[in-house]
Amino acid sequence: MRSLPLFALAAVLEIAGCFAFWSWRHGTRDAWVLPLGVLSLVLFAACLAQSDAAHAGRAYAAYGGIYIAFSLLWLRIVEGVVPDRWDLTGSLVCVVGALIVLFGPRT
């Protein structure tokens, strides 16, 4: 169960790191954000590696759904864009899928 908070933190770190590059590439930030982006991505990888999932591929698959939901939160909070019903519906499907991957019964 400790994976969910780790996935949430990992999502914020990955999105922040990628956003640093995005904002620099699109001319809204100066190059000084790039080292912060790299640091954020390194911390993301370290955080995701702490998952208690038995296999990396399963952890990454489950993380993907959480990442999508947090990306839409980022869209709303940081970029000021309100996700539409299709964003929210798609995100819900992905989160449900992530929970099935993470907590589904294993034989």
C-alpha atoms as a PDB file:
ATOM      1  CA  MET A   1       0.000   0.000   0.000  1.00  0.00           C
ATOM      2  CA  ARG A   2       2.979   2.286   0.327  1.00  0.00           C
ATOM      3  CA  SER A   3       3.223   2.412  -3.470  1.00  0.00           C
ATOM      4  CA  LEU A   4       0.344   4.873  -3.934  1.00  0.00           C
ATOM      5  CA  PRO A   5       1.931   7.763  -2.000  1.00  0.00           C
ATOM      6  CA  LEU A   6       5.247   7.019  -3.731  1.00  0.00           C
ATOM      7  CA  PHE A   7       3.523   7.080  -7.122  1.00  0.00           C
ATOM      8  CA  ALA A   8       1.918  10.413  -6.264  1.00  0.00           C
ATOM      9  CA  LEU A   9       5.274  11.926  -5.267  1.00  0.00           C
ATOM     10  CA  ALA A  10       6.970  10.381  -8.291  1.00  0.00           C
ATOM     11  CA  ALA A  11       4.321  11.884 -10.568  1.00  0.00           C
ATOM     12  CA  VAL A  12       4.849  15.380  -9.191  1.00  0.00           C
ATOM     13  CA  LEU A  13       8.621  15.036  -9.551  1.00  0.00           C
ATOM     14  CA  GLU A  14       8.428  13.672 -13.096  1.00  0.00           C
ATOM     15  CA  ILE A  15       5.918  16.255 -14.261  1.00  0.00           C
ATOM     16  CA  ALA A  16       7.912  19.087 -12.688  1.00  0.00           C
ATOM     17  CA  GLY A  17      11.123  17.853 -14.311  1.00  0.00           C
ATOM     18  CA  CYS A  18       9.542  17.479 -17.721  1.00  0.00           C
ATOM     19  CA  PHE A  19       7.746  20.814 -17.364  1.00  0.00           C
ATOM     20  CA  ALA A  20      11.080  22.529 -16.738  1.00  0.00           C
ATOM     21  CA  PHE A  21      12.264  21.341 -20.144  1.00  0.00           C
ATOM     22  CA  TRP A  22       8.900  22.065 -21.759  1.00  0.00           C
ATOM     23  CA  SER A  23       8.816  25.625 -20.462  1.00  0.00           C
ATOM     24  CA  TRP A  24      12.429  26.262 -21.512  1.00  0.00           C
ATOM     25  CA  ARG A  25      11.839  24.799 -24.983  1.00  0.00           C
ATOM     26  CA  HIS A  26       8.691  26.854 -25.465  1.00  0.00           C
ATOM     27  CA  GLY A  27      10.434  30.042 -24.357  1.00  0.00           C
ATOM     28  CA  THR A  28       8.526  30.717 -21.143  1.00  0.00           C
ATOM     29  CA  ARG A  29      11.498  30.004 -18.842  1.00  0.00           C
ATOM     30  CA  ASP A  30      15.222  30.641 -19.008  1.00  0.00           C
ATOM     31  CA  ALA A  31      17.832  27.882 -19.149  1.00  0.00           C
ATOM     32  CA  TRP A  32      18.443  28.067 -15.385  1.00  0.00           C
ATOM     33  CA  VAL A  33      15.403  25.785 -14.913  1.00  0.00           C
ATOM     34  CA  LEU A  34      17.109  22.912 -16.746  1.00  0.00           C
ATOM     35  CA  PRO A  35      19.344  21.756 -13.846  1.00  0.00           C
ATOM     36  CA  LEU A  36      16.273  21.845 -11.591  1.00  0.00           C
ATOM     37  CA  GLY A  37      14.460  19.714 -14.137  1.00  0.00           C
ATOM     38  CA  VAL A  38      17.289  17.182 -14.192  1.00  0.00           C
ATOM     39  CA  LEU A  39      17.353  17.020 -10.397  1.00  0.00           C
ATOM     40  CA  SER A  40      13.605  16.536 -10.301  1.00  0.00           C
ATOM     41  CA  LEU A  41      13.830  13.669 -12.804  1.00  0.00           C
ATOM     42  CA  VAL A  42      16.607  11.975 -10.822  1.00  0.00           C
ATOM     43  CA  LEU A  43      14.496  12.226  -7.658  1.00  0.00           C
ATOM     44  CA  PHE A  44      11.524  10.860  -9.609  1.00  0.00           C
ATOM     45  CA  ALA A  45      13.503   7.755 -10.615  1.00  0.00           C
ATOM     46  CA  ALA A  46      14.751   7.239  -7.060  1.00  0.00           C
ATOM     47  CA  CYS A  47      11.228   7.599  -5.719  1.00  0.00           C
ATOM     48  CA  LEU A  48       9.664   5.191  -8.220  1.00  0.00           C
ATOM     49  CA  ALA A  49      12.357   2.613  -7.438  1.00  0.00           C
ATOM     50  CA  GLN A  50      11.093   2.508  -3.825  1.00  0.00           C
ATOM     51  CA  SER A  51       7.775   0.912  -4.839  1.00  0.00           C
ATOM     52  CA  ASP A  52       6.911  -2.302  -3.039  1.00  0.00           C
ATOM     53  CA  ALA A  53       5.594  -3.903  -6.249  1.00  0.00           C
ATOM     54  CA  ALA A  54       7.257  -7.264  -6.901  1.00  0.00           C
ATOM     55  CA  HIS A  55       8.207  -6.410 -10.505  1.00  0.00           C
ATOM     56  CA  ALA A  56       9.388  -3.166 -12.083  1.00  0.00           C
ATOM     57  CA  GLY A  57       7.138  -3.496 -15.134  1.00  0.00           C
ATOM     58  CA  ARG A  58       4.050  -3.857 -12.964  1.00  0.00           C
ATOM     59  CA  ALA A  59       5.078  -0.864 -10.862  1.00  0.00           C
ATOM     60  CA  TYR A  60       5.600   1.229 -13.999  1.00  0.00           C
ATOM     61  CA  ALA A  61       2.240   0.155 -15.440  1.00  0.00           C
ATOM     62  CA  ALA A  62       0.390   1.039 -12.237  1.00  0.00           C
ATOM     63  CA  TYR A  63       2.321   4.295 -11.945  1.00  0.00           C
ATOM     64  CA  GLY A  64       1.206   5.273 -15.441  1.00  0.00           C
ATOM     65  CA  GLY A  65      -2.416   5.638 -14.388  1.00  0.00           C
ATOM     66  CA  ILE A  66      -1.499   7.736 -11.378  1.00  0.00           C
ATOM     67  CA  TYR A  67       0.765   9.867 -13.585  1.00  0.00           C
ATOM     68  CA  ILE A  68      -2.130  10.649 -15.912  1.00  0.00           C
ATOM     69  CA  ALA A  69      -4.349  11.810 -13.048  1.00  0.00           C
ATOM     70  CA  PHE A  70      -1.595  13.994 -11.617  1.00  0.00           C
ATOM     71  CA  SER A  71      -0.878  15.438 -15.066  1.00  0.00           C
ATOM     72  CA  LEU A  72      -4.439  16.716 -15.171  1.00  0.00           C
ATOM     73  CA  LEU A  73      -4.045  18.166 -11.679  1.00  0.00           C
ATOM     74  CA  TRP A  74      -0.903  19.917 -12.931  1.00  0.00           C
ATOM     75  CA  LEU A  75      -2.853  21.190 -15.932  1.00  0.00           C
ATOM     76  CA  ARG A  76      -5.405  22.744 -13.581  1.00  0.00           C
ATOM     77  CA  ILE A  77      -3.181  24.002 -10.764  1.00  0.00           C
ATOM     78  CA  VAL A  78      -0.015  25.104 -12.578  1.00  0.00           C
ATOM     79  CA  GLU A  79      -1.223  25.866 -16.089  1.00  0.00           C
ATOM     80  CA  GLY A  80      -4.648  27.170 -15.098  1.00  0.00           C
ATOM     81  CA  VAL A  81      -6.540  25.053 -17.632  1.00  0.00           C
ATOM     82  CA  VAL A  82      -9.679  23.248 -16.493  1.00  0.00           C
ATOM     83  CA  PRO A  83      -9.699  19.611 -17.638  1.00  0.00           C
ATOM     84  CA  ASP A  84     -12.821  18.770 -19.625  1.00  0.00           C
ATOM     85  CA  ARG A  85     -15.117  15.793 -19.110  1.00  0.00           C
ATOM     86  CA  TRP A  86     -13.126  13.679 -21.553  1.00  0.00           C
ATOM     87  CA  ASP A  87      -9.902  14.388 -19.678  1.00  0.00           C
ATOM     88  CA  LEU A  88     -11.552  13.398 -16.413  1.00  0.00           C
ATOM     89  CA  THR A  89     -13.252  10.309 -17.833  1.00  0.00           C
ATOM     90  CA  GLY A  90     -10.041   9.088 -19.431  1.00  0.00           C
ATOM     91  CA  SER A  91      -8.122   9.721 -16.249  1.00  0.00           C
ATOM     92  CA  LEU A  92     -10.659   7.782 -14.188  1.00  0.00           C
ATOM     93  CA  VAL A  93     -10.348   4.807 -16.522  1.00  0.00           C
ATOM     94  CA  CYS A  94      -6.560   4.928 -16.196  1.00  0.00           C
ATOM     95  CA  VAL A  95      -6.613   5.171 -12.391  1.00  0.00           C
ATOM     96  CA  VAL A  96      -8.990   2.212 -12.151  1.00  0.00           C
ATOM     97  CA  GLY A  97      -6.670   0.284 -14.462  1.00  0.00           C
ATOM     98  CA  ALA A  98      -3.659   1.239 -12.345  1.00  0.00           C
ATOM     99  CA  LEU A  99      -5.377   0.015  -9.185  1.00  0.00           C
ATOM    100  CA  ILE A 100      -6.275  -3.278 -10.879  1.00  0.00           C
ATOM    101  CA  VAL A 101      -2.663  -3.770 -11.959  1.00  0.00           C
ATOM    102  CA  LEU A 102      -1.328  -2.891  -8.513  1.00  0.00           C
ATOM    103  CA  PHE A 103      -3.815  -4.686  -6.286  1.00  0.00           C
ATOM    104  CA  GLY A 104      -5.206  -7.469  -8.497  1.00  0.00           C
ATOM    105  CA  PRO A 105      -4.978 -10.960  -7.009  1.00  0.00           C
ATOM    106  CA  ARG A 106      -1.870 -12.857  -8.051  1.00  0.00           C
ATOM    107  CA  THR A 107      -1.587 -16.619  -8.265  1.00  0.00           C
END
